[in-house]
Amino acid sequence: MSLYESEAICRAIITDRIREADHRRLVREIKQSELRSNIGAATAPANRRSRLWKLVHLSHAYG
């Protein structure tokens, strides 16, 4: 095997490893964003007042 061939093989291996690492990172980011969007959809907005709060604070209940 010549020096050129061994260098080409090393470059190919490095390129494959970088591609695999990028793929794993993208998959991880997609899963995290899906988890965040699912969690956000299940919770009420932070500025929304609860029904109990409105009932306790009469000035806001009729405002």
N, C-alpha and C. Protein backbone atom coordinates (compact mmCIF):
# COMPACT_ATOMS: atom_id res chain seq x y z
N MET A 1 0.85 -1.16 0.00
CA MET A 1 0.00 0.00 0.00
C MET A 1 0.91 1.23 0.00
N SER A 2 0.59 2.15 -0.85
CA SER A 2 1.42 3.35 -0.96
C SER A 2 1.02 4.37 0.10
N LEU A 3 1.85 5.36 0.24
CA LEU A 3 1.59 6.43 1.21
C LEU A 3 0.31 7.17 0.85
N TYR A 4 0.09 7.37 -0.44
CA TYR A 4 -1.11 8.06 -0.91
C TYR A 4 -2.37 7.27 -0.53
N GLU A 5 -2.33 5.96 -0.71
CA GLU A 5 -3.49 5.13 -0.39
C GLU A 5 -3.80 5.14 1.11
N SER A 6 -2.78 5.03 1.93
CA SER A 6 -3.01 5.03 3.38
C SER A 6 -3.52 6.39 3.85
N GLU A 7 -3.02 7.46 3.25
CA GLU A 7 -3.51 8.80 3.60
C GLU A 7 -4.97 8.96 3.18
N ALA A 8 -5.32 8.46 2.01
CA ALA A 8 -6.70 8.54 1.52
C ALA A 8 -7.64 7.74 2.42
N ILE A 9 -7.19 6.59 2.87
CA ILE A 9 -8.01 5.77 3.77
C ILE A 9 -8.22 6.49 5.10
N CYS A 10 -7.16 7.08 5.63
CA CYS A 10 -7.26 7.82 6.90
C CYS A 10 -8.23 8.99 6.76
N ARG A 11 -8.14 9.72 5.66
CA ARG A 11 -9.05 10.85 5.43
C ARG A 11 -10.50 10.37 5.32
N ALA A 12 -10.71 9.24 4.66
CA ALA A 12 -12.06 8.69 4.52
C ALA A 12 -12.62 8.28 5.87
N ILE A 13 -11.79 7.67 6.70
CA ILE A 13 -12.23 7.25 8.04
C ILE A 13 -12.59 8.47 8.88
N ILE A 14 -11.75 9.49 8.84
CA ILE A 14 -12.00 10.71 9.61
C ILE A 14 -13.30 11.37 9.12
N THR A 15 -13.48 11.44 7.82
CA THR A 15 -14.69 12.04 7.25
C THR A 15 -15.94 11.27 7.69
N ASP A 16 -15.86 9.95 7.67
CA ASP A 16 -16.99 9.13 8.12
C ASP A 16 -17.31 9.37 9.59
N ARG A 17 -16.29 9.45 10.42
CA ARG A 17 -16.52 9.68 11.85
C ARG A 17 -17.13 11.04 12.10
N ILE A 18 -16.68 12.04 11.38
CA ILE A 18 -17.25 13.38 11.52
C ILE A 18 -18.71 13.37 11.07
N ARG A 19 -19.00 12.70 9.96
CA ARG A 19 -20.37 12.61 9.46
C ARG A 19 -21.28 11.89 10.47
N GLU A 20 -20.79 10.80 11.06
CA GLU A 20 -21.57 10.07 12.07
C GLU A 20 -21.82 10.93 13.31
N ALA A 21 -20.81 11.66 13.74
CA ALA A 21 -20.97 12.52 14.91
C ALA A 21 -21.98 13.63 14.63
N ASP A 22 -21.93 14.22 13.44
CA ASP A 22 -22.91 15.25 13.07
C ASP A 22 -24.31 14.67 13.02
N HIS A 23 -24.44 13.48 12.49
CA HIS A 23 -25.75 12.83 12.41
C HIS A 23 -26.31 12.58 13.80
N ARG A 24 -25.48 12.07 14.71
CA ARG A 24 -25.93 11.83 16.08
C ARG A 24 -26.34 13.13 16.76
N ARG A 25 -25.57 14.20 16.52
CA ARG A 25 -25.88 15.51 17.11
C ARG A 25 -27.22 16.02 16.59
N LEU A 26 -27.45 15.90 15.29
CA LEU A 26 -28.72 16.36 14.72
C LEU A 26 -29.90 15.56 15.25
N VAL A 27 -29.74 14.26 15.37
CA VAL A 27 -30.81 13.42 15.92
C VAL A 27 -31.11 13.84 17.35
N ARG A 28 -30.07 14.07 18.14
CA ARG A 28 -30.24 14.48 19.54
C ARG A 28 -30.96 15.84 19.61
N GLU A 29 -30.57 16.79 18.75
CA GLU A 29 -31.22 18.10 18.75
C GLU A 29 -32.68 18.00 18.35
N ILE A 30 -33.00 17.15 17.38
CA ILE A 30 -34.40 16.98 16.96
C ILE A 30 -35.22 16.40 18.10
N LYS A 31 -34.68 15.39 18.78
CA LYS A 31 -35.41 14.79 19.90
C LYS A 31 -35.64 15.80 21.01
N GLN A 32 -34.62 16.61 21.30
CA GLN A 32 -34.77 17.62 22.35
C GLN A 32 -35.80 18.67 21.97
N SER A 33 -35.81 19.10 20.71
CA SER A 33 -36.79 20.10 20.29
C SER A 33 -38.20 19.52 20.30
N GLU A 34 -38.35 18.24 19.97
CA GLU A 34 -39.67 17.61 20.05
C GLU A 34 -40.14 17.53 21.49
N LEU A 35 -39.23 17.20 22.40
CA LEU A 35 -39.60 17.15 23.82
C LEU A 35 -40.02 18.52 24.31
N ARG A 36 -39.28 19.56 23.91
CA ARG A 36 -39.62 20.91 24.34
C ARG A 36 -40.97 21.34 23.79
N SER A 37 -41.24 21.02 22.53
CA SER A 37 -42.52 21.43 21.95
C SER A 37 -43.67 20.66 22.58
N ASN A 38 -43.47 19.39 22.93
CA ASN A 38 -44.52 18.62 23.59
C ASN A 38 -44.79 19.15 24.99
N ILE A 39 -43.75 19.52 25.70
CA ILE A 39 -43.92 20.05 27.06
C ILE A 39 -44.62 21.41 27.00
N GLY A 40 -44.23 22.24 26.06
CA GLY A 40 -44.83 23.56 25.94
C GLY A 40 -46.30 23.50 25.57
N ALA A 41 -46.70 22.52 24.79
CA ALA A 41 -48.09 22.43 24.37
C ALA A 41 -48.99 21.95 25.52
N ALA A 42 -48.44 21.26 26.48
CA ALA A 42 -49.24 20.70 27.56
C ALA A 42 -49.42 21.68 28.72
N THR A 43 -48.67 22.77 28.74
CA THR A 43 -48.75 23.70 29.85
C THR A 43 -49.45 24.98 29.42
N ALA A 44 -50.08 25.64 30.37
CA ALA A 44 -50.76 26.91 30.10
C ALA A 44 -49.72 28.03 29.99
N PRO A 45 -50.05 29.09 29.30
CA PRO A 45 -49.13 30.24 29.23
C PRO A 45 -48.83 30.80 30.62
N ALA A 46 -47.64 31.30 30.81
CA ALA A 46 -47.22 31.78 32.14
C ALA A 46 -48.03 32.98 32.61
N ASN A 47 -48.50 33.81 31.69
CA ASN A 47 -49.21 35.02 32.09
C ASN A 47 -50.71 34.78 32.32
N ARG A 48 -51.19 33.58 32.07
CA ARG A 48 -52.59 33.27 32.25
C ARG A 48 -52.90 33.04 33.73
N ARG A 49 -53.94 33.68 34.21
CA ARG A 49 -54.34 33.55 35.61
C ARG A 49 -55.22 32.32 35.78
N SER A 50 -55.05 31.65 36.91
CA SER A 50 -55.87 30.48 37.18
C SER A 50 -57.28 30.92 37.55
N ARG A 51 -58.20 30.01 37.41
CA ARG A 51 -59.59 30.30 37.77
C ARG A 51 -59.70 30.60 39.26
N LEU A 52 -58.95 29.86 40.08
CA LEU A 52 -58.96 30.10 41.52
C LEU A 52 -58.46 31.50 41.84
N TRP A 53 -57.40 31.95 41.18
CA TRP A 53 -56.85 33.28 41.43
C TRP A 53 -57.89 34.33 41.11
N LYS A 54 -58.62 34.15 40.01
CA LYS A 54 -59.65 35.11 39.63
C LYS A 54 -60.78 35.14 40.66
N LEU A 55 -61.13 33.97 41.20
CA LEU A 55 -62.20 33.93 42.18
C LEU A 55 -61.78 34.55 43.50
N VAL A 56 -60.54 34.38 43.89
CA VAL A 56 -60.05 34.92 45.16
C VAL A 56 -59.88 36.43 45.08
N HIS A 57 -59.39 36.92 43.96
CA HIS A 57 -59.14 38.35 43.78
C HIS A 57 -60.32 38.96 43.01
N LEU A 58 -61.29 39.44 43.75
CA LEU A 58 -62.55 39.90 43.15
C LEU A 58 -62.37 41.06 42.19
N SER A 59 -61.43 41.93 42.46
CA SER A 59 -61.24 43.08 41.57
C SER A 59 -60.83 42.62 40.17
N HIS A 60 -60.16 41.50 40.08
CA HIS A 60 -59.75 40.96 38.78
C HIS A 60 -60.80 40.04 38.20
N ALA A 61 -61.68 39.52 39.05
CA ALA A 61 -62.69 38.58 38.58
C ALA A 61 -63.68 39.27 37.67
N TYR A 62 -63.98 40.53 37.92
CA TYR A 62 -64.97 41.24 37.12
C TYR A 62 -64.34 42.26 36.19
N GLY A 63 -62.99 42.27 36.09
CA GLY A 63 -62.32 43.29 35.28
C GLY A 63 -61.95 42.90 33.92
